[in-house]
Amino acid sequence: MAGKLEPLADRLVVKALLREEVTRGGIILPDTVKEKPQEGEVIAVGPGKMGEDGKRIEMDVKVGDIVIYTKYGGTEIKVDGEEVMILRESDVLAKRGSAKKSKAG
């Protein structure tokens, strides 16, 4: 799917990491009361934005990184029935590592 979207400038495509939320008492929370996820895996990255000097500024995130992003940032879209977010790099608050490392560990 990442090959179908090519983000421009300083934008990136993130697939939200959904977790089943269960209370301490074991009650599974329905989707209607869950908060919007703020963590996801980067599946596509733009080339970076152009600086004032005409040189491209390299992105700090790369494909496979797990990122935490702002709650109301970005645009949600569906591609082939899968929901993804298109964010600006400035909407990313932190990196948690890469998906390859977290799946293996």
N, C-alpha and C. Protein backbone atom coordinates (compact mmCIF):
# COMPACT_ATOMS: atom_id res chain seq x y z
N MET A 1 0.80 -1.18 0.00
CA MET A 1 0.00 0.00 0.00
C MET A 1 0.85 1.26 0.00
N ALA A 2 1.99 1.25 0.67
CA ALA A 2 2.83 2.44 0.75
C ALA A 2 3.30 2.87 -0.64
N GLY A 3 3.43 1.93 -1.56
CA GLY A 3 3.85 2.26 -2.91
C GLY A 3 2.81 3.04 -3.68
N LYS A 4 1.56 3.01 -3.24
CA LYS A 4 0.49 3.70 -3.92
C LYS A 4 0.41 5.18 -3.53
N LEU A 5 0.94 5.53 -2.37
CA LEU A 5 0.93 6.91 -1.92
C LEU A 5 2.37 7.41 -1.85
N GLU A 6 2.59 8.56 -2.45
CA GLU A 6 3.91 9.18 -2.40
C GLU A 6 3.74 10.57 -1.82
N PRO A 7 4.01 10.73 -0.50
CA PRO A 7 3.82 12.03 0.13
C PRO A 7 4.77 13.07 -0.45
N LEU A 8 4.32 14.30 -0.47
CA LEU A 8 5.11 15.41 -0.99
C LEU A 8 5.76 16.18 0.14
N ALA A 9 6.86 16.82 -0.17
CA ALA A 9 7.58 17.72 0.74
C ALA A 9 7.83 17.06 2.10
N ASP A 10 7.37 17.72 3.18
CA ASP A 10 7.66 17.22 4.54
C ASP A 10 6.50 16.43 5.11
N ARG A 11 5.78 15.73 4.26
CA ARG A 11 4.65 14.93 4.73
C ARG A 11 5.03 13.45 4.82
N LEU A 12 4.28 12.73 5.66
CA LEU A 12 4.49 11.30 5.81
C LEU A 12 3.15 10.61 5.98
N VAL A 13 3.11 9.32 5.64
CA VAL A 13 1.90 8.52 5.77
C VAL A 13 2.12 7.57 6.94
N VAL A 14 1.15 7.56 7.86
CA VAL A 14 1.25 6.76 9.08
C VAL A 14 0.03 5.87 9.20
N LYS A 15 0.28 4.60 9.52
CA LYS A 15 -0.80 3.66 9.80
C LYS A 15 -0.91 3.58 11.32
N ALA A 16 -2.07 3.95 11.85
CA ALA A 16 -2.27 3.97 13.31
C ALA A 16 -2.13 2.58 13.90
N LEU A 17 -1.50 2.51 15.05
CA LEU A 17 -1.39 1.26 15.79
C LEU A 17 -2.60 1.17 16.71
N LEU A 18 -3.45 0.24 16.42
CA LEU A 18 -4.67 0.08 17.23
C LEU A 18 -4.44 -0.97 18.29
N ARG A 19 -4.84 -0.64 19.49
CA ARG A 19 -4.70 -1.58 20.61
C ARG A 19 -6.07 -1.83 21.19
N GLU A 20 -6.31 -3.07 21.55
CA GLU A 20 -7.57 -3.39 22.22
C GLU A 20 -7.47 -2.83 23.63
N GLU A 21 -8.42 -2.00 23.99
CA GLU A 21 -8.37 -1.38 25.32
C GLU A 21 -9.27 -2.13 26.28
N VAL A 22 -8.67 -2.56 27.37
CA VAL A 22 -9.38 -3.31 28.39
C VAL A 22 -9.13 -2.63 29.73
N THR A 23 -10.17 -2.47 30.52
CA THR A 23 -10.02 -1.85 31.84
C THR A 23 -9.33 -2.83 32.78
N ARG A 24 -8.95 -2.34 33.94
CA ARG A 24 -8.31 -3.21 34.94
C ARG A 24 -9.24 -4.34 35.37
N GLY A 25 -10.54 -4.09 35.31
CA GLY A 25 -11.52 -5.11 35.68
C GLY A 25 -11.79 -6.11 34.56
N GLY A 26 -11.16 -5.92 33.39
CA GLY A 26 -11.33 -6.86 32.29
C GLY A 26 -12.44 -6.50 31.31
N ILE A 27 -12.98 -5.30 31.42
CA ILE A 27 -14.04 -4.88 30.50
C ILE A 27 -13.42 -4.32 29.23
N ILE A 28 -13.85 -4.86 28.09
CA ILE A 28 -13.35 -4.37 26.80
C ILE A 28 -14.15 -3.14 26.42
N LEU A 29 -13.42 -2.05 26.12
CA LEU A 29 -14.08 -0.79 25.78
C LEU A 29 -14.50 -0.79 24.32
N PRO A 30 -15.73 -0.39 24.01
CA PRO A 30 -16.16 -0.32 22.61
C PRO A 30 -15.50 0.87 21.90
N ASP A 31 -15.49 0.83 20.57
CA ASP A 31 -14.88 1.90 19.78
C ASP A 31 -15.44 3.27 20.08
N THR A 32 -16.70 3.35 20.49
CA THR A 32 -17.33 4.65 20.71
C THR A 32 -16.73 5.42 21.89
N VAL A 33 -16.08 4.76 22.83
CA VAL A 33 -15.49 5.45 23.97
C VAL A 33 -13.96 5.48 23.93
N LYS A 34 -13.36 4.84 22.94
CA LYS A 34 -11.90 4.86 22.82
C LYS A 34 -11.44 6.19 22.27
N GLU A 35 -10.27 6.61 22.72
CA GLU A 35 -9.68 7.83 22.18
C GLU A 35 -9.02 7.53 20.84
N LYS A 36 -8.93 8.54 20.02
CA LYS A 36 -8.27 8.42 18.73
C LYS A 36 -6.80 8.06 18.96
N PRO A 37 -6.26 7.07 18.24
CA PRO A 37 -4.86 6.68 18.45
C PRO A 37 -3.92 7.82 18.09
N GLN A 38 -2.81 7.91 18.80
CA GLN A 38 -1.81 8.93 18.54
C GLN A 38 -0.46 8.30 18.27
N GLU A 39 -0.45 7.02 17.96
CA GLU A 39 0.80 6.31 17.71
C GLU A 39 0.62 5.50 16.45
N GLY A 40 1.65 5.45 15.62
CA GLY A 40 1.53 4.69 14.39
C GLY A 40 2.87 4.39 13.76
N GLU A 41 2.81 3.54 12.72
CA GLU A 41 4.00 3.15 11.97
C GLU A 41 4.07 3.96 10.69
N VAL A 42 5.23 4.53 10.42
CA VAL A 42 5.44 5.31 9.20
C VAL A 42 5.54 4.34 8.03
N ILE A 43 4.67 4.51 7.02
CA ILE A 43 4.69 3.61 5.87
C ILE A 43 5.15 4.29 4.58
N ALA A 44 5.25 5.62 4.59
CA ALA A 44 5.79 6.36 3.44
C ALA A 44 6.26 7.73 3.92
N VAL A 45 7.34 8.22 3.31
CA VAL A 45 7.94 9.49 3.71
C VAL A 45 8.23 10.32 2.47
N GLY A 46 7.92 11.61 2.55
CA GLY A 46 8.23 12.52 1.46
C GLY A 46 9.72 12.84 1.44
N PRO A 47 10.17 13.56 0.42
CA PRO A 47 11.60 13.87 0.28
C PRO A 47 12.10 14.96 1.24
N GLY A 48 11.21 15.65 1.92
CA GLY A 48 11.60 16.75 2.79
C GLY A 48 11.26 18.07 2.13
N LYS A 49 11.16 19.13 2.92
CA LYS A 49 10.79 20.41 2.32
C LYS A 49 12.04 21.17 1.90
N MET A 50 11.81 22.15 1.05
CA MET A 50 12.91 22.97 0.55
C MET A 50 13.20 24.09 1.54
N GLY A 51 14.47 24.29 1.82
CA GLY A 51 14.88 25.39 2.68
C GLY A 51 14.92 26.69 1.89
N GLU A 52 15.13 27.79 2.59
CA GLU A 52 15.19 29.09 1.93
C GLU A 52 16.37 29.20 0.98
N ASP A 53 17.41 28.39 1.23
CA ASP A 53 18.58 28.42 0.35
C ASP A 53 18.41 27.52 -0.88
N GLY A 54 17.23 26.90 -1.02
CA GLY A 54 16.97 26.05 -2.18
C GLY A 54 17.42 24.61 -2.01
N LYS A 55 17.97 24.27 -0.85
CA LYS A 55 18.41 22.89 -0.59
C LYS A 55 17.31 22.16 0.17
N ARG A 56 17.19 20.87 -0.12
CA ARG A 56 16.16 20.05 0.52
C ARG A 56 16.60 19.69 1.95
N ILE A 57 15.67 19.85 2.89
CA ILE A 57 15.92 19.52 4.30
C ILE A 57 15.47 18.08 4.52
N GLU A 58 16.41 17.22 4.86
CA GLU A 58 16.13 15.79 5.03
C GLU A 58 15.18 15.55 6.19
N MET A 59 14.32 14.54 6.04
CA MET A 59 13.34 14.19 7.07
C MET A 59 14.04 13.46 8.23
N ASP A 60 13.52 13.68 9.46
CA ASP A 60 14.06 13.01 10.64
C ASP A 60 13.46 11.62 10.85
N VAL A 61 12.34 11.33 10.19
CA VAL A 61 11.71 10.02 10.32
C VAL A 61 11.89 9.24 9.03
N LYS A 62 11.81 7.91 9.16
CA LYS A 62 11.95 7.06 7.98
C LYS A 62 10.89 5.96 8.02
N VAL A 63 10.70 5.28 6.92
CA VAL A 63 9.73 4.19 6.84
C VAL A 63 10.08 3.14 7.88
N GLY A 64 9.08 2.69 8.61
CA GLY A 64 9.27 1.67 9.64
C GLY A 64 9.36 2.24 11.05
N ASP A 65 9.57 3.55 11.18
CA ASP A 65 9.62 4.16 12.51
C ASP A 65 8.24 4.14 13.16
N ILE A 66 8.22 3.97 14.47
CA ILE A 66 6.99 4.11 15.25
C ILE A 66 7.02 5.52 15.82
N VAL A 67 5.97 6.30 15.53
CA VAL A 67 5.95 7.70 15.95
C VAL A 67 4.71 8.00 16.79
N ILE A 68 4.84 9.03 17.60
CA ILE A 68 3.72 9.56 18.37
C ILE A 68 3.44 10.93 17.77
N TYR A 69 2.18 11.17 17.41
CA TYR A 69 1.83 12.40 16.72
C TYR A 69 0.72 13.15 17.45
N THR A 70 0.52 14.41 17.07
CA THR A 70 -0.47 15.25 17.73
C THR A 70 -1.87 14.68 17.56
N LYS A 71 -2.70 14.93 18.53
CA LYS A 71 -4.03 14.35 18.58
C LYS A 71 -4.91 14.79 17.41
N TYR A 72 -4.85 16.04 17.03
CA TYR A 72 -5.74 16.54 15.99
C TYR A 72 -5.00 16.93 14.71
N GLY A 73 -3.77 16.49 14.56
CA GLY A 73 -3.00 16.81 13.37
C GLY A 73 -3.28 15.84 12.24
N GLY A 74 -2.95 16.23 11.04
CA GLY A 74 -3.03 15.34 9.91
C GLY A 74 -4.41 15.19 9.30
N THR A 75 -4.44 14.40 8.25
CA THR A 75 -5.67 14.13 7.51
C THR A 75 -5.86 12.63 7.40
N GLU A 76 -7.03 12.14 7.81
CA GLU A 76 -7.33 10.71 7.71
C GLU A 76 -7.89 10.43 6.33
N ILE A 77 -7.38 9.37 5.69
CA ILE A 77 -7.92 8.92 4.41
C ILE A 77 -7.98 7.41 4.40
N LYS A 78 -8.74 6.85 3.45
CA LYS A 78 -8.81 5.40 3.26
C LYS A 78 -8.18 5.07 1.92
N VAL A 79 -7.27 4.10 1.93
CA VAL A 79 -6.65 3.61 0.71
C VAL A 79 -6.82 2.11 0.70
N ASP A 80 -7.51 1.59 -0.31
CA ASP A 80 -7.79 0.16 -0.40
C ASP A 80 -8.46 -0.37 0.87
N GLY A 81 -9.37 0.42 1.45
CA GLY A 81 -10.11 0.00 2.63
C GLY A 81 -9.34 0.11 3.93
N GLU A 82 -8.11 0.63 3.88
CA GLU A 82 -7.28 0.75 5.07
C GLU A 82 -7.14 2.23 5.44
N GLU A 83 -7.39 2.56 6.71
CA GLU A 83 -7.29 3.94 7.15
C GLU A 83 -5.85 4.31 7.47
N VAL A 84 -5.40 5.43 6.93
CA VAL A 84 -4.07 5.95 7.19
C VAL A 84 -4.18 7.45 7.45
N MET A 85 -3.11 8.03 8.00
CA MET A 85 -3.04 9.46 8.26
C MET A 85 -1.92 10.05 7.42
N ILE A 86 -2.16 11.22 6.85
CA ILE A 86 -1.10 11.98 6.20
C ILE A 86 -0.80 13.15 7.13
N LEU A 87 0.44 13.19 7.61
CA LEU A 87 0.87 14.20 8.58
C LEU A 87 2.03 15.02 8.03
N ARG A 88 2.19 16.21 8.53
CA ARG A 88 3.42 16.97 8.30
C ARG A 88 4.43 16.47 9.34
N GLU A 89 5.69 16.57 9.00
CA GLU A 89 6.71 16.13 9.95
C GLU A 89 6.59 16.90 11.27
N SER A 90 6.14 18.14 11.23
CA SER A 90 5.99 18.95 12.44
C SER A 90 4.88 18.43 13.36
N ASP A 91 3.98 17.57 12.84
CA ASP A 91 2.94 16.96 13.67
C ASP A 91 3.47 15.78 14.49
N VAL A 92 4.67 15.31 14.17
CA VAL A 92 5.26 14.20 14.90
C VAL A 92 5.94 14.75 16.15
N LEU A 93 5.56 14.19 17.30
CA LEU A 93 6.09 14.66 18.57
C LEU A 93 7.32 13.88 19.02
N ALA A 94 7.37 12.57 18.70
CA ALA A 94 8.47 11.74 19.16
C ALA A 94 8.54 10.46 18.34
N LYS A 95 9.71 9.83 18.35
CA LYS A 95 9.89 8.51 17.74
C LYS A 95 10.07 7.51 18.86
N ARG A 96 9.47 6.33 18.70
CA ARG A 96 9.57 5.28 19.72
C ARG A 96 10.52 4.17 19.28
N GLY A 97 11.02 4.20 18.08
CA GLY A 97 11.87 3.15 17.55
C GLY A 97 11.33 2.73 16.20
N SER A 98 11.70 1.52 15.78
CA SER A 98 11.19 1.04 14.49
C SER A 98 10.33 -0.18 14.69
N ALA A 99 9.43 -0.42 13.74
CA ALA A 99 8.52 -1.54 13.82
C ALA A 99 9.27 -2.86 13.78
N LYS A 100 10.34 -2.93 13.02
CA LYS A 100 11.12 -4.17 12.92
C LYS A 100 11.67 -4.57 14.27
N LYS A 101 12.19 -3.60 15.03
CA LYS A 101 12.75 -3.89 16.34
C LYS A 101 11.65 -4.29 17.33
N SER A 102 10.49 -3.58 17.29
CA SER A 102 9.44 -3.89 18.27
C SER A 102 8.79 -5.22 18.00
N LYS A 103 8.69 -5.65 16.74
CA LYS A 103 8.08 -6.95 16.45
C LYS A 103 9.00 -8.09 16.88
N ALA A 104 10.32 -7.88 16.73
CA ALA A 104 11.27 -8.93 17.08
C ALA A 104 11.47 -9.00 18.59
N GLY A 105 11.36 -7.87 19.29
CA GLY A 105 11.66 -7.80 20.71
C GLY A 105 10.46 -7.94 21.49
